[in-house]
Amino acid sequence: QVKLVESGGDSVQTGGSLRVSCLASGSTYSSNCMAWFRQAPGKKREGVATIYNSNMFPFYADSVKGRFTISRDIAKNTLYLEMNNLKPEDSAMYYCAAVERPISGGACQRNGNNQGAFRYWGQGTQVTVSS
């Protein structure tokens, strides 16, 4: 079992920056692919970014490319999402997710928007961007 706890969500203005974190605990050694998803009110949950092992094969949704950076500190069991040049459309609940069993780097990239590939989920952290 893996427990994921997100933190760092906040309210910021358009153009601002924010870093959200996800602390993993439990049997994390098998979770070699981790991801950030987000869900805005009335919208489907969408994949934002994934990372394989220690910062390999990153995947980014087109809407965040060039603005968001996903990273992982394995020693600290922590996943990060650095968000720059935030826009109102980035407002959402941000969720951290992890796979249950090891997968390849290619599979990690391909599953960037596939919720079903991820077994473990955090409770979410709210990001609100005001114009």
Protein backbone atom coordinates (compact mmCIF):
# COMPACT_ATOMS: atom_id res chain seq x y z
CA GLN A 1 0.00 0.00 0.00
CA VAL A 2 1.09 3.53 -0.76
CA LYS A 3 -0.28 6.64 0.89
CA LEU A 4 -0.07 9.96 -0.94
CA VAL A 5 -0.55 13.34 0.70
CA GLU A 6 -0.55 16.52 -1.36
CA SER A 7 0.19 20.00 -0.05
CA GLY A 8 1.05 23.47 -1.28
CA GLY A 9 -2.18 24.46 -3.00
CA ASP A 10 -3.05 28.13 -2.73
CA SER A 11 -4.75 31.09 -4.35
CA VAL A 12 -2.54 33.10 -6.71
CA GLN A 13 -2.98 35.77 -9.34
CA THR A 14 -2.63 35.25 -13.08
CA GLY A 15 1.03 35.02 -14.03
CA GLY A 16 2.05 33.82 -10.60
CA SER A 17 3.93 30.69 -9.59
CA LEU A 18 3.24 27.88 -7.18
CA ARG A 19 4.79 24.54 -6.23
CA VAL A 20 2.66 21.69 -5.00
CA SER A 21 4.12 18.63 -3.32
CA CYS A 22 3.11 15.03 -2.77
CA LEU A 23 4.63 13.01 0.06
CA ALA A 24 4.52 9.26 -0.49
CA SER A 25 4.73 6.66 2.26
CA GLY A 26 4.42 2.91 2.46
CA SER A 27 5.60 0.46 -0.22
CA THR A 28 6.81 3.12 -2.63
CA TYR A 29 9.58 1.03 -4.22
CA SER A 30 7.18 -0.37 -6.86
CA SER A 31 5.74 3.02 -7.78
CA ASN A 32 8.23 3.92 -10.48
CA CYS A 33 5.69 6.04 -12.36
CA MET A 34 3.95 8.95 -10.68
CA ALA A 35 1.66 11.62 -11.99
CA TRP A 36 -0.26 14.78 -11.37
CA PHE A 37 -3.89 15.01 -12.47
CA ARG A 38 -6.31 17.88 -12.00
CA GLN A 39 -10.04 18.34 -11.94
CA ALA A 40 -11.97 21.58 -12.20
CA PRO A 41 -15.63 21.83 -11.12
CA GLY A 42 -17.91 20.33 -13.75
CA LYS A 43 -15.01 18.95 -15.78
CA LYS A 44 -13.39 15.56 -16.17
CA ARG A 45 -10.17 14.76 -14.36
CA GLU A 46 -7.26 15.26 -16.74
CA GLY A 47 -3.63 14.26 -16.74
CA VAL A 48 -1.17 17.10 -16.23
CA ALA A 49 2.25 15.44 -16.02
CA THR A 50 3.97 12.13 -15.33
CA ILE A 51 7.49 11.17 -14.31
CA TYR A 52 9.35 7.86 -14.48
CA ASN A 53 11.79 6.83 -11.74
CA SER A 54 14.08 9.74 -10.94
CA ASN A 55 13.05 12.45 -13.37
CA MET A 56 13.05 10.41 -16.57
CA PHE A 57 10.65 10.35 -19.51
CA PRO A 58 8.46 13.26 -18.38
CA PHE A 59 5.05 13.72 -19.98
CA TYR A 60 3.18 17.01 -20.05
CA ALA A 61 -0.29 17.87 -21.24
CA ASP A 62 -0.20 20.35 -24.11
CA SER A 63 -1.97 22.93 -21.98
CA VAL A 64 0.90 23.09 -19.46
CA LYS A 65 3.99 22.48 -21.61
CA GLY A 66 6.63 25.12 -21.06
CA ARG A 67 4.96 26.34 -17.85
CA PHE A 68 4.87 23.32 -15.52
CA THR A 69 7.73 21.07 -14.39
CA ILE A 70 7.30 17.72 -12.68
CA SER A 71 10.11 16.35 -10.55
CA ARG A 72 10.68 13.67 -7.98
CA ASP A 73 13.04 13.47 -5.02
CA ILE A 74 13.22 9.73 -4.36
CA ALA A 75 15.30 10.18 -1.20
CA LYS A 76 12.52 12.34 0.26
CA ASN A 77 9.70 10.24 -1.26
CA THR A 78 8.28 13.45 -2.62
CA LEU A 79 6.80 14.38 -5.98
CA TYR A 80 6.65 18.02 -7.02
CA LEU A 81 4.85 20.11 -9.60
CA GLU A 82 6.35 23.53 -10.24
CA MET A 83 3.79 25.77 -11.92
CA ASN A 84 4.75 29.07 -13.57
CA ASN A 85 2.81 31.67 -15.53
CA LEU A 86 -0.41 30.38 -14.04
CA LYS A 87 -3.69 31.07 -15.80
CA PRO A 88 -7.27 31.07 -14.50
CA GLU A 89 -7.90 27.87 -16.48
CA ASP A 90 -5.28 26.15 -14.31
CA SER A 91 -7.63 26.45 -11.33
CA ALA A 92 -8.49 22.97 -10.14
CA MET A 93 -8.00 20.35 -7.48
CA TYR A 94 -4.61 18.79 -8.13
CA TYR A 95 -4.16 15.10 -7.37
CA CYS A 96 -1.02 13.03 -7.04
CA ALA A 97 -1.13 9.44 -8.31
CA ALA A 98 1.18 6.43 -8.38
CA VAL A 99 1.21 3.06 -10.11
CA GLU A 100 0.98 -0.12 -8.05
CA ARG A 101 3.52 -2.20 -10.00
CA PRO A 102 6.60 -1.13 -11.97
CA ILE A 103 6.00 -0.19 -15.59
CA SER A 104 8.35 0.91 -18.37
CA GLY A 105 9.28 4.49 -19.07
CA GLY A 106 7.41 4.39 -22.35
CA ALA A 107 4.27 3.10 -20.66
CA CYS A 108 4.57 5.82 -18.04
CA GLN A 109 4.59 8.44 -20.77
CA ARG A 110 1.74 6.86 -22.71
CA ASN A 111 -0.46 6.74 -19.61
CA GLY A 112 -0.15 10.46 -18.92
CA ASN A 113 -3.89 10.92 -19.25
CA ASN A 114 -5.05 7.46 -18.20
CA GLN A 115 -6.42 7.46 -14.67
CA GLY A 116 -6.91 3.70 -14.80
CA ALA A 117 -3.16 3.12 -14.93
CA PHE A 118 -2.70 4.58 -11.46
CA ARG A 119 -3.68 2.62 -8.39
CA TYR A 120 -2.92 5.07 -5.59
CA TRP A 121 -4.34 8.59 -5.23
CA GLY A 122 -4.01 11.45 -2.79
CA GLN A 123 -6.85 13.55 -1.47
CA GLY A 124 -5.94 16.59 -3.60
CA THR A 125 -4.78 20.14 -3.05
CA GLN A 126 -6.69 23.16 -4.37
CA VAL A 127 -5.08 25.64 -6.74
CA THR A 128 -7.03 28.79 -7.57
CA VAL A 129 -5.80 31.36 -10.07
CA SER A 130 -7.59 34.70 -10.15
CA SER A 131 -7.52 37.14 -13.04
